[in-house]
Protein backbone atom coordinates (compact mmCIF):
# COMPACT_ATOMS: atom_id res chain seq x y z
CA MET A 1 -191.98 -9.64 -26.84
CA SER A 2 -193.88 -8.20 -29.37
CA PRO A 3 -197.20 -10.51 -31.03
CA LEU A 4 -195.27 -11.51 -34.29
CA GLY A 5 -192.21 -12.84 -32.06
CA ARG A 6 -194.25 -14.66 -30.00
CA LEU A 7 -195.64 -16.44 -33.04
CA LEU A 8 -192.26 -16.94 -34.33
CA PRO A 9 -188.66 -19.22 -33.16
CA GLN A 10 -185.26 -16.93 -32.92
CA ARG A 11 -184.32 -18.36 -35.79
CA SER A 12 -186.83 -17.65 -38.31
CA SER A 13 -187.43 -14.50 -36.64
CA THR A 14 -183.68 -13.53 -37.73
CA LEU A 15 -184.06 -15.39 -41.24
CA LEU A 16 -187.54 -12.50 -41.74
CA THR A 17 -185.61 -9.79 -40.45
CA ALA A 18 -182.30 -10.58 -43.18
CA THR A 19 -184.64 -11.95 -45.88
CA PHE A 20 -186.51 -8.36 -45.42
CA ALA A 21 -183.25 -6.57 -44.61
CA GLY A 22 -182.18 -7.89 -48.89
CA LEU A 23 -185.60 -6.73 -50.17
CA ILE A 24 -184.72 -3.18 -48.73
CA VAL A 25 -181.59 -3.57 -50.63
CA LEU A 26 -182.54 -4.53 -53.44
CA ALA A 27 -184.93 -2.32 -53.67
CA THR A 28 -182.38 0.36 -53.38
CA THR A 29 -180.01 -0.49 -55.69
CA ALA A 30 -182.73 -0.60 -57.95
CA SER A 31 -183.81 2.79 -57.55
CA ILE A 32 -180.75 3.77 -57.48
CA PHE A 33 -179.30 2.36 -60.79
CA GLY A 34 -181.96 2.28 -63.00
CA GLY A 35 -183.06 -2.09 -62.46
CA THR A 36 -182.77 -4.89 -60.80
CA GLY A 37 -179.64 -5.61 -60.48
CA LEU A 38 -180.63 -9.28 -61.27
CA SER A 39 -179.99 -8.38 -65.16
CA SER A 40 -176.88 -9.77 -67.15
CA GLU A 41 -176.84 -7.30 -69.56
CA PRO A 42 -173.89 -4.78 -69.45
CA LEU A 43 -175.21 -1.03 -69.15
CA HIS A 44 -176.36 0.09 -72.43
CA ARG A 45 -174.75 3.62 -73.76
CA GLU A 46 -176.20 6.69 -75.79
CA PRO A 47 -174.80 6.01 -79.67
CA VAL A 48 -172.44 8.75 -80.36
CA GLY A 49 -172.39 10.97 -83.37
CA GLU A 50 -175.73 11.77 -85.77
CA PRO A 51 -178.31 9.35 -86.03
CA GLU A 52 -177.98 9.17 -89.76
CA ASP A 53 -174.21 7.22 -88.35
CA TRP A 54 -176.47 5.10 -85.97
CA SER A 55 -178.07 1.69 -86.79
CA THR A 56 -181.59 1.07 -87.34
CA ASP A 57 -181.40 -1.18 -84.38
CA GLU A 58 -179.64 1.84 -82.29
CA LEU A 59 -182.60 4.32 -83.47
CA LYS A 60 -185.36 2.44 -82.74
CA LYS A 61 -183.88 2.03 -78.71
CA TRP A 62 -182.98 5.15 -78.86
CA LEU A 63 -186.87 6.19 -79.03
CA LYS A 64 -188.07 3.38 -77.68
CA GLU A 65 -186.56 4.35 -74.31
CA ARG A 66 -188.01 7.80 -74.65
CA LYS A 67 -191.23 5.71 -74.89
CA LEU A 68 -191.60 7.81 -78.26
CA ARG A 69 -193.89 5.63 -80.61
CA PHE A 70 -193.04 4.68 -83.84
CA GLU A 71 -195.05 2.83 -86.74
CA LYS A 72 -193.58 -1.15 -86.95
CA ASN A 73 -192.73 -0.17 -90.59
CA ALA A 74 -191.02 2.89 -89.96
CA THR A 75 -188.26 3.65 -92.47
CA ARG A 76 -184.59 4.40 -91.26
CA GLU A 77 -185.22 7.94 -92.51
CA GLN A 78 -188.26 8.52 -91.41
CA LEU A 79 -186.80 7.41 -87.41
CA ILE A 80 -183.58 9.68 -87.90
CA GLU A 81 -185.68 12.78 -88.89
CA MET A 82 -187.56 11.28 -85.61
CA VAL A 83 -184.40 11.08 -82.81
CA LYS A 84 -184.23 14.41 -84.49
CA VAL A 85 -187.23 15.72 -83.70
CA ALA A 86 -186.60 15.31 -80.62
CA ARG A 87 -183.35 14.65 -79.63
CA PRO A 88 -182.07 18.04 -77.53
CA ALA A 89 -179.46 20.59 -79.66
CA ASN A 90 -176.53 20.02 -77.14
CA LEU A 91 -176.74 15.96 -77.90
CA THR A 92 -175.67 16.39 -81.50
CA GLY A 93 -172.15 15.26 -80.62
CA THR A 94 -170.91 18.01 -82.17
CA SER A 95 -170.33 21.76 -81.14
CA GLN A 96 -173.57 24.80 -82.06
CA ARG A 97 -170.85 27.09 -81.41
CA THR A 98 -167.62 28.34 -83.10
CA TYR A 99 -165.35 31.29 -81.08
CA GLY A 100 -163.54 33.39 -83.43
CA ALA A 101 -159.51 34.26 -82.40
CA VAL A 102 -159.32 35.84 -79.51
């Protein structure tokens, strides 16, 4: 028996093991799903369409999630321009290519 096992009664040892296993499951869940698993907030969805159609809150949230700084008093137009610059071209919501008849 290990030194720790001798110090703890059998029931405490089982409780300690179950608690440890629970923490491992919680940490794994947080790692996989990107959170603690304890949040009551629904999963955030990426705004769709062009940034001009997003609300000011959506623009700010998008920038914050990407750790892009902006001034508190930034105008909506400035926020839109920042998103356009930082957003990958393939996620604009519209196809950049046009295909002719085959």
